[in-house]
Amino acid sequence: MPGLVLWAWERPEDLRFIDPATTAVAALNGTLFLDGDRTLWRPRLQPLRLPDGTRRIAVVHVHLGRTRPAAGDEQRRAVLDRLSAEANRPGVAALQVDFEAPPSLRAFYTALLHDLRQHLPAGLPLSITALASWCLTERWTADLPVDEVVPMLFRMGPAGIAIRARLADGGDLTRVECRRSVGVSLDEPFPPLKPGRRVYAFTPRPWTETAYRATLQALP
């Protein structure tokens, strides 16, 4: 997988200007809504254009509704079936789950990932996004059956000041599983980026070639 990955969210995106040799695309395939005992799926509705040869990571966002999810076996199977279906789509090079699981749903999420690992095509990488705090003060990601934990070093809230200061002073995230990749956003100053880590880049606006070139130049 290339060292730079562009997140392509739910909006029209024309990324034919990227270089597939250096850049992959993590495109939102759709959103799963967990609301009580209901599991609803909304697929991507916006067009995405990529150059030939682009490695595409299928991203599934998990969103919590107004009612706390039932988080039982039936709901876990429903989520598992959808994730497995997205992973098996033609041209998918990896699967990424984007779920800011609260403490009350960590057991559900952990069990889901263990089940998912068994249902993925052989050799397909499994990635998850992570709040920066998970990688600094918590331990629950240590034994997850994933190939990559991507700490999102943006939209960090009040804790962001301390985390940015730690990284600026040469420190690192506590959890070793969070040291393979990093997530950044173009509308916030990048934290210090350590060499050798895959960079996932997000922008709140559609990607442009200018923004893409600037991101490439910011890489260590």
C-alpha atoms as a PDB file:
ATOM      1  CA  MET A   1       0.000   0.000   0.000  1.00  0.00           C
ATOM      2  CA  PRO A   2       1.413   3.452  -0.888  1.00  0.00           C
ATOM      3  CA  GLY A   3       2.607   5.826   1.805  1.00  0.00           C
ATOM      4  CA  LEU A   4      -0.132   8.402   1.147  1.00  0.00           C
ATOM      5  CA  VAL A   5      -3.847   7.626   1.225  1.00  0.00           C
ATOM      6  CA  LEU A   6      -6.519  10.206   0.432  1.00  0.00           C
ATOM      7  CA  TRP A   7      -9.835   9.871   2.238  1.00  0.00           C
ATOM      8  CA  ALA A   8     -12.684  10.435  -0.242  1.00  0.00           C
ATOM      9  CA  TRP A   9     -15.867  11.094   1.685  1.00  0.00           C
ATOM     10  CA  GLU A  10     -19.517  11.404   0.621  1.00  0.00           C
ATOM     11  CA  ARG A  11     -19.296  13.994  -2.161  1.00  0.00           C
ATOM     12  CA  PRO A  12     -18.375  13.968  -5.847  1.00  0.00           C
ATOM     13  CA  GLU A  13     -14.623  13.406  -6.203  1.00  0.00           C
ATOM     14  CA  ASP A  14     -12.496  13.398  -9.355  1.00  0.00           C
ATOM     15  CA  LEU A  15      -9.063  12.117  -8.353  1.00  0.00           C
ATOM     16  CA  ARG A  16      -7.675  11.301 -11.769  1.00  0.00           C
ATOM     17  CA  PHE A  17      -4.733  13.640 -11.077  1.00  0.00           C
ATOM     18  CA  ILE A  18      -3.181  11.376  -8.392  1.00  0.00           C
ATOM     19  CA  ASP A  19      -0.200   9.110  -8.995  1.00  0.00           C
ATOM     20  CA  PRO A  20      -1.273   5.522  -8.183  1.00  0.00           C
ATOM     21  CA  ALA A  21       2.355   4.585  -7.581  1.00  0.00           C
ATOM     22  CA  THR A  22       2.539   6.861  -4.536  1.00  0.00           C
ATOM     23  CA  THR A  23      -1.087   7.371  -3.534  1.00  0.00           C
ATOM     24  CA  ALA A  24      -4.049   5.159  -2.650  1.00  0.00           C
ATOM     25  CA  VAL A  25      -7.640   6.202  -1.993  1.00  0.00           C
ATOM     26  CA  ALA A  26      -9.762   5.286   1.041  1.00  0.00           C
ATOM     27  CA  ALA A  27     -13.255   5.896  -0.300  1.00  0.00           C
ATOM     28  CA  LEU A  28     -16.400   5.854   1.775  1.00  0.00           C
ATOM     29  CA  ASN A  29     -18.515   2.961   0.483  1.00  0.00           C
ATOM     30  CA  GLY A  30     -21.395   3.768   2.801  1.00  0.00           C
ATOM     31  CA  THR A  31     -22.634   4.281   6.347  1.00  0.00           C
ATOM     32  CA  LEU A  32     -24.134   1.790   8.779  1.00  0.00           C
ATOM     33  CA  PHE A  33     -26.629   3.298  11.225  1.00  0.00           C
ATOM     34  CA  LEU A  34     -27.063   1.458  14.539  1.00  0.00           C
ATOM     35  CA  ASP A  35     -30.263   2.600  16.247  1.00  0.00           C
ATOM     36  CA  GLY A  36     -31.740   0.370  18.924  1.00  0.00           C
ATOM     37  CA  ASP A  37     -32.144  -3.069  17.374  1.00  0.00           C
ATOM     38  CA  ARG A  38     -32.156  -1.628  13.836  1.00  0.00           C
ATOM     39  CA  THR A  39     -29.188  -1.766  11.463  1.00  0.00           C
ATOM     40  CA  LEU A  40     -29.620   0.485   8.437  1.00  0.00           C
ATOM     41  CA  TRP A  41     -27.336   0.861   5.437  1.00  0.00           C
ATOM     42  CA  ARG A  42     -26.885   3.949   3.276  1.00  0.00           C
ATOM     43  CA  PRO A  43     -24.536   3.334   0.324  1.00  0.00           C
ATOM     44  CA  ARG A  44     -22.330   5.938  -1.263  1.00  0.00           C
ATOM     45  CA  LEU A  45     -24.436   8.075  -3.598  1.00  0.00           C
ATOM     46  CA  GLN A  46     -21.777  10.401  -5.032  1.00  0.00           C
ATOM     47  CA  PRO A  47     -19.498   9.627  -8.010  1.00  0.00           C
ATOM     48  CA  LEU A  48     -15.810   8.834  -7.575  1.00  0.00           C
ATOM     49  CA  ARG A  49     -13.327   8.902 -10.447  1.00  0.00           C
ATOM     50  CA  LEU A  50      -9.882   7.335 -10.090  1.00  0.00           C
ATOM     51  CA  PRO A  51      -6.993   6.702 -12.459  1.00  0.00           C
ATOM     52  CA  ASP A  52      -6.344   3.148 -13.566  1.00  0.00           C
ATOM     53  CA  GLY A  53      -4.222   1.189 -11.136  1.00  0.00           C
ATOM     54  CA  THR A  54      -5.344   3.040  -8.010  1.00  0.00           C
ATOM     55  CA  ARG A  55      -5.436   0.901  -4.886  1.00  0.00           C
ATOM     56  CA  ARG A  56      -8.837   1.495  -3.322  1.00  0.00           C
ATOM     57  CA  ILE A  57      -9.586   0.971   0.360  1.00  0.00           C
ATOM     58  CA  ALA A  58     -13.288   0.444   1.054  1.00  0.00           C
ATOM     59  CA  VAL A  59     -14.331   2.522   4.073  1.00  0.00           C
ATOM     60  CA  VAL A  60     -17.475   1.812   6.062  1.00  0.00           C
ATOM     61  CA  HIS A  61     -18.537   4.419   8.604  1.00  0.00           C
ATOM     62  CA  VAL A  62     -20.554   3.234  11.598  1.00  0.00           C
ATOM     63  CA  HIS A  63     -22.902   5.875  13.029  1.00  0.00           C
ATOM     64  CA  LEU A  64     -24.884   5.668  16.256  1.00  0.00           C
ATOM     65  CA  GLY A  65     -28.537   6.669  16.205  1.00  0.00           C
ATOM     66  CA  ARG A  66     -30.606   8.262  18.943  1.00  0.00           C
ATOM     67  CA  THR A  67     -31.277   4.956  20.701  1.00  0.00           C
ATOM     68  CA  ARG A  68     -28.421   2.953  22.177  1.00  0.00           C
ATOM     69  CA  PRO A  69     -27.677  -0.015  19.898  1.00  0.00           C
ATOM     70  CA  ALA A  70     -28.919  -3.404  21.043  1.00  0.00           C
ATOM     71  CA  ALA A  71     -25.386  -4.709  20.363  1.00  0.00           C
ATOM     72  CA  GLY A  72     -26.570  -8.308  20.429  1.00  0.00           C
ATOM     73  CA  ASP A  73     -25.701 -11.272  18.246  1.00  0.00           C
ATOM     74  CA  GLU A  74     -28.325 -10.423  15.627  1.00  0.00           C
ATOM     75  CA  GLN A  75     -27.073  -6.871  15.182  1.00  0.00           C
ATOM     76  CA  ARG A  76     -23.473  -8.023  15.107  1.00  0.00           C
ATOM     77  CA  ARG A  77     -24.316 -10.494  12.327  1.00  0.00           C
ATOM     78  CA  ALA A  78     -26.055  -7.750  10.352  1.00  0.00           C
ATOM     79  CA  VAL A  79     -23.023  -5.481  10.589  1.00  0.00           C
ATOM     80  CA  LEU A  80     -20.704  -8.387   9.799  1.00  0.00           C
ATOM     81  CA  ASP A  81     -22.679  -9.269   6.669  1.00  0.00           C
ATOM     82  CA  ARG A  82     -22.476  -5.707   5.355  1.00  0.00           C
ATOM     83  CA  LEU A  83     -18.772  -5.327   6.074  1.00  0.00           C
ATOM     84  CA  SER A  84     -18.047  -8.674   4.426  1.00  0.00           C
ATOM     85  CA  ALA A  85     -20.048  -7.642   1.358  1.00  0.00           C
ATOM     86  CA  GLU A  86     -18.101  -4.392   0.995  1.00  0.00           C
ATOM     87  CA  ALA A  87     -14.778  -6.182   1.430  1.00  0.00           C
ATOM     88  CA  ASN A  88     -15.659  -8.607  -1.353  1.00  0.00           C
ATOM     89  CA  ARG A  89     -16.494  -5.982  -3.950  1.00  0.00           C
ATOM     90  CA  PRO A  90     -14.305  -6.079  -7.081  1.00  0.00           C
ATOM     91  CA  GLY A  91     -11.206  -3.915  -6.931  1.00  0.00           C
ATOM     92  CA  VAL A  92     -11.085  -3.552  -3.138  1.00  0.00           C
ATOM     93  CA  ALA A  93      -7.491  -3.657  -1.860  1.00  0.00           C
ATOM     94  CA  ALA A  94      -8.305  -3.303   1.865  1.00  0.00           C
ATOM     95  CA  LEU A  95     -11.215  -2.663   4.221  1.00  0.00           C
ATOM     96  CA  GLN A  96     -11.310   0.141   6.775  1.00  0.00           C
ATOM     97  CA  VAL A  97     -13.905   0.450   9.549  1.00  0.00           C
ATOM     98  CA  ASP A  98     -14.518   3.974  10.844  1.00  0.00           C
ATOM     99  CA  PHE A  99     -16.281   3.645  14.207  1.00  0.00           C
ATOM    100  CA  GLU A 100     -15.725   5.888  17.232  1.00  0.00           C
ATOM    101  CA  ALA A 101     -16.911   3.168  19.569  1.00  0.00           C
ATOM    102  CA  PRO A 102     -17.798   4.449  23.061  1.00  0.00           C
ATOM    103  CA  PRO A 103     -16.693   2.374  26.077  1.00  0.00           C
ATOM    104  CA  SER A 104     -20.134   0.750  26.328  1.00  0.00           C
ATOM    105  CA  LEU A 105     -19.708  -0.760  22.840  1.00  0.00           C
ATOM    106  CA  ARG A 106     -16.072  -1.821  22.973  1.00  0.00           C
ATOM    107  CA  ALA A 107     -16.915  -5.489  23.660  1.00  0.00           C
ATOM    108  CA  PHE A 108     -19.370  -5.471  20.746  1.00  0.00           C
ATOM    109  CA  TYR A 109     -16.792  -3.877  18.434  1.00  0.00           C
ATOM    110  CA  THR A 110     -14.021  -6.242  19.504  1.00  0.00           C
ATOM    111  CA  ALA A 111     -16.199  -9.317  18.911  1.00  0.00           C
ATOM    112  CA  LEU A 112     -17.270  -7.900  15.548  1.00  0.00           C
ATOM    113  CA  LEU A 113     -13.677  -7.421  14.394  1.00  0.00           C
ATOM    114  CA  HIS A 114     -12.725 -10.952  15.426  1.00  0.00           C
ATOM    115  CA  ASP A 115     -15.671 -12.306  13.435  1.00  0.00           C
ATOM    116  CA  LEU A 116     -14.859 -10.066  10.487  1.00  0.00           C
ATOM    117  CA  ARG A 117     -11.271 -11.237  10.347  1.00  0.00           C
ATOM    118  CA  GLN A 118     -12.534 -14.766   9.687  1.00  0.00           C
ATOM    119  CA  HIS A 119     -14.828 -13.633   6.854  1.00  0.00           C
ATOM    120  CA  LEU A 120     -12.443 -11.461   4.862  1.00  0.00           C
ATOM    121  CA  PRO A 121     -10.853 -12.698   1.641  1.00  0.00           C
ATOM    122  CA  ALA A 122      -7.470 -14.285   2.288  1.00  0.00           C
ATOM    123  CA  GLY A 123      -4.754 -11.667   2.547  1.00  0.00           C
ATOM    124  CA  LEU A 124      -7.063  -8.646   2.518  1.00  0.00           C
ATOM    125  CA  PRO A 125      -5.773  -6.040   5.022  1.00  0.00           C
ATOM    126  CA  LEU A 126      -8.144  -4.825   7.748  1.00  0.00           C
ATOM    127  CA  SER A 127      -7.758  -1.258   9.012  1.00  0.00           C
ATOM    128  CA  ILE A 128      -9.627   0.755  11.631  1.00  0.00           C
ATOM    129  CA  THR A 129      -9.595   4.436  12.492  1.00  0.00           C
ATOM    130  CA  ALA A 130      -9.003   5.452  16.097  1.00  0.00           C
ATOM    131  CA  LEU A 131      -9.458   8.452  18.314  1.00  0.00           C
ATOM    132  CA  ALA A 132      -6.070   9.814  19.323  1.00  0.00           C
ATOM    133  CA  SER A 133      -6.932   9.222  22.991  1.00  0.00           C
ATOM    134  CA  TRP A 134      -7.264   5.477  22.344  1.00  0.00           C
ATOM    135  CA  CYS A 135      -3.623   5.451  21.309  1.00  0.00           C
ATOM    136  CA  LEU A 136      -2.377   7.500  24.236  1.00  0.00           C
ATOM    137  CA  THR A 137      -4.233   6.553  27.402  1.00  0.00           C
ATOM    138  CA  GLU A 138      -6.069   3.302  26.642  1.00  0.00           C
ATOM    139  CA  ARG A 139      -5.044  -0.303  26.044  1.00  0.00           C
ATOM    140  CA  TRP A 140      -8.054  -1.977  24.455  1.00  0.00           C
ATOM    141  CA  THR A 141      -6.741  -1.795  20.865  1.00  0.00           C
ATOM    142  CA  ALA A 142      -3.702  -3.928  21.683  1.00  0.00           C
ATOM    143  CA  ASP A 143      -5.204  -7.308  20.808  1.00  0.00           C
ATOM    144  CA  LEU A 144      -7.561  -6.358  17.992  1.00  0.00           C
ATOM    145  CA  PRO A 145      -7.160  -8.614  14.910  1.00  0.00           C
ATOM    146  CA  VAL A 146      -6.390  -5.730  12.560  1.00  0.00           C
ATOM    147  CA  ASP A 147      -3.443  -4.861  10.356  1.00  0.00           C
ATOM    148  CA  GLU A 148      -3.582  -1.148  11.024  1.00  0.00           C
ATOM    149  CA  VAL A 149      -4.901   1.288  13.631  1.00  0.00           C
ATOM    150  CA  VAL A 150      -5.044   4.818  12.215  1.00  0.00           C
ATOM    151  CA  PRO A 151      -5.031   7.515  14.942  1.00  0.00           C
ATOM    152  CA  MET A 152      -6.908  10.589  13.754  1.00  0.00           C
ATOM    153  CA  LEU A 153      -4.743  13.521  14.808  1.00  0.00           C
ATOM    154  CA  PHE A 154      -7.398  16.117  14.042  1.00  0.00           C
ATOM    155  CA  ARG A 155     -10.728  17.130  15.574  1.00  0.00           C
ATOM    156  CA  MET A 156      -9.155  16.039  18.870  1.00  0.00           C
ATOM    157  CA  GLY A 157     -11.042  18.423  21.120  1.00  0.00           C
ATOM    158  CA  PRO A 158      -9.510  19.703  24.394  1.00  0.00           C
ATOM    159  CA  ALA A 159      -7.029  16.793  24.532  1.00  0.00           C
ATOM    160  CA  GLY A 160      -5.521  17.893  21.241  1.00  0.00           C
ATOM    161  CA  ILE A 161      -3.350  20.583  22.799  1.00  0.00           C
ATOM    162  CA  ALA A 162      -1.516  18.098  25.014  1.00  0.00           C
ATOM    163  CA  ILE A 163      -1.217  15.518  22.247  1.00  0.00           C
ATOM    164  CA  ARG A 164       0.213  18.029  19.790  1.00  0.00           C
ATOM    165  CA  ALA A 165       2.675  19.272  22.419  1.00  0.00           C
ATOM    166  CA  ARG A 166       3.799  15.711  23.117  1.00  0.00           C
ATOM    167  CA  LEU A 167       4.425  15.032  19.436  1.00  0.00           C
ATOM    168  CA  ALA A 168       6.146  18.397  18.923  1.00  0.00           C
ATOM    169  CA  ASP A 169       8.576  17.532  21.731  1.00  0.00           C
ATOM    170  CA  GLY A 170       9.574  14.340  19.947  1.00  0.00           C
ATOM    171  CA  GLY A 171       7.247  12.076  21.887  1.00  0.00           C
ATOM    172  CA  ASP A 172       5.051   9.416  20.382  1.00  0.00           C
ATOM    173  CA  LEU A 173       1.735   7.716  20.869  1.00  0.00           C
ATOM    174  CA  THR A 174       1.827   5.164  23.676  1.00  0.00           C
ATOM    175  CA  ARG A 175       0.296   2.247  21.813  1.00  0.00           C
ATOM    176  CA  VAL A 176       2.708   0.558  19.412  1.00  0.00           C
ATOM    177  CA  GLU A 177      -0.176  -0.621  17.206  1.00  0.00           C
ATOM    178  CA  CYS A 178      -0.914   3.061  16.482  1.00  0.00           C
ATOM    179  CA  ARG A 179       2.537   3.772  15.099  1.00  0.00           C
ATOM    180  CA  ARG A 180       2.127   2.387  11.585  1.00  0.00           C
ATOM    181  CA  SER A 181      -0.176   5.085  10.221  1.00  0.00           C
ATOM    182  CA  VAL A 182      -1.561   8.504  11.039  1.00  0.00           C
ATOM    183  CA  GLY A 183      -4.602  10.522   9.988  1.00  0.00           C
ATOM    184  CA  VAL A 184      -4.423  14.271   9.326  1.00  0.00           C
ATOM    185  CA  SER A 185      -6.741  16.952   7.943  1.00  0.00           C
ATOM    186  CA  LEU A 186      -5.819  19.745   5.571  1.00  0.00           C
ATOM    187  CA  ASP A 187      -7.833  22.335   7.501  1.00  0.00           C
ATOM    188  CA  GLU A 188      -5.716  21.909  10.653  1.00  0.00           C
ATOM    189  CA  PRO A 189      -1.943  22.266  11.083  1.00  0.00           C
ATOM    190  CA  PHE A 190      -0.277  18.894  10.602  1.00  0.00           C
ATOM    191  CA  PRO A 191       1.340  17.496  13.743  1.00  0.00           C
ATOM    192  CA  PRO A 192       4.977  16.425  13.344  1.00  0.00           C
ATOM    193  CA  LEU A 193       4.934  13.426  10.992  1.00  0.00           C
ATOM    194  CA  LYS A 194       7.419  10.676  11.683  1.00  0.00           C
ATOM    195  CA  PRO A 195       9.097   8.975   8.705  1.00  0.00           C
ATOM    196  CA  GLY A 196       7.962   5.521   7.717  1.00  0.00           C
ATOM    197  CA  ARG A 197       4.289   5.899   8.618  1.00  0.00           C
ATOM    198  CA  ARG A 198       1.448   5.803   6.159  1.00  0.00           C
ATOM    199  CA  VAL A 199      -0.408   9.117   6.076  1.00  0.00           C
ATOM    200  CA  TYR A 200      -4.171   9.248   5.597  1.00  0.00           C
ATOM    201  CA  ALA A 201      -5.223  12.746   4.559  1.00  0.00           C
ATOM    202  CA  PHE A 202      -8.699  14.234   4.842  1.00  0.00           C
ATOM    203  CA  THR A 203     -10.067  17.491   3.487  1.00  0.00           C
ATOM    204  CA  PRO A 204     -13.515  18.934   4.260  1.00  0.00           C
ATOM    205  CA  ARG A 205     -13.755  20.131   0.649  1.00  0.00           C
ATOM    206  CA  PRO A 206     -13.392  18.184  -2.597  1.00  0.00           C
ATOM    207  CA  TRP A 207      -9.821  17.289  -3.424  1.00  0.00           C
ATOM    208  CA  THR A 208      -7.962  19.449  -5.928  1.00  0.00           C
ATOM    209  CA  GLU A 209      -4.649  18.818  -7.604  1.00  0.00           C
ATOM    210  CA  THR A 210      -3.199  21.809  -5.716  1.00  0.00           C
ATOM    211  CA  ALA A 211      -4.233  20.364  -2.352  1.00  0.00           C
ATOM    212  CA  TYR A 212      -2.881  16.978  -3.365  1.00  0.00           C
ATOM    213  CA  ARG A 213       0.525  18.376  -4.369  1.00  0.00           C
ATOM    214  CA  ALA A 214       0.730  20.366  -1.121  1.00  0.00           C
ATOM    215  CA  THR A 215       0.019  17.197   0.859  1.00  0.00           C
ATOM    216  CA  LEU A 216       2.754  15.303  -0.958  1.00  0.00           C
ATOM    217  CA  GLN A 217       5.230  18.063  -0.166  1.00  0.00           C
ATOM    218  CA  ALA A 218       4.305  17.963   3.542  1.00  0.00           C
ATOM    219  CA  LEU A 219       5.218  14.301   3.906  1.00  0.00           C
ATOM    220  CA  PRO A 220       8.455  13.514   5.745  1.00  0.00           C
END
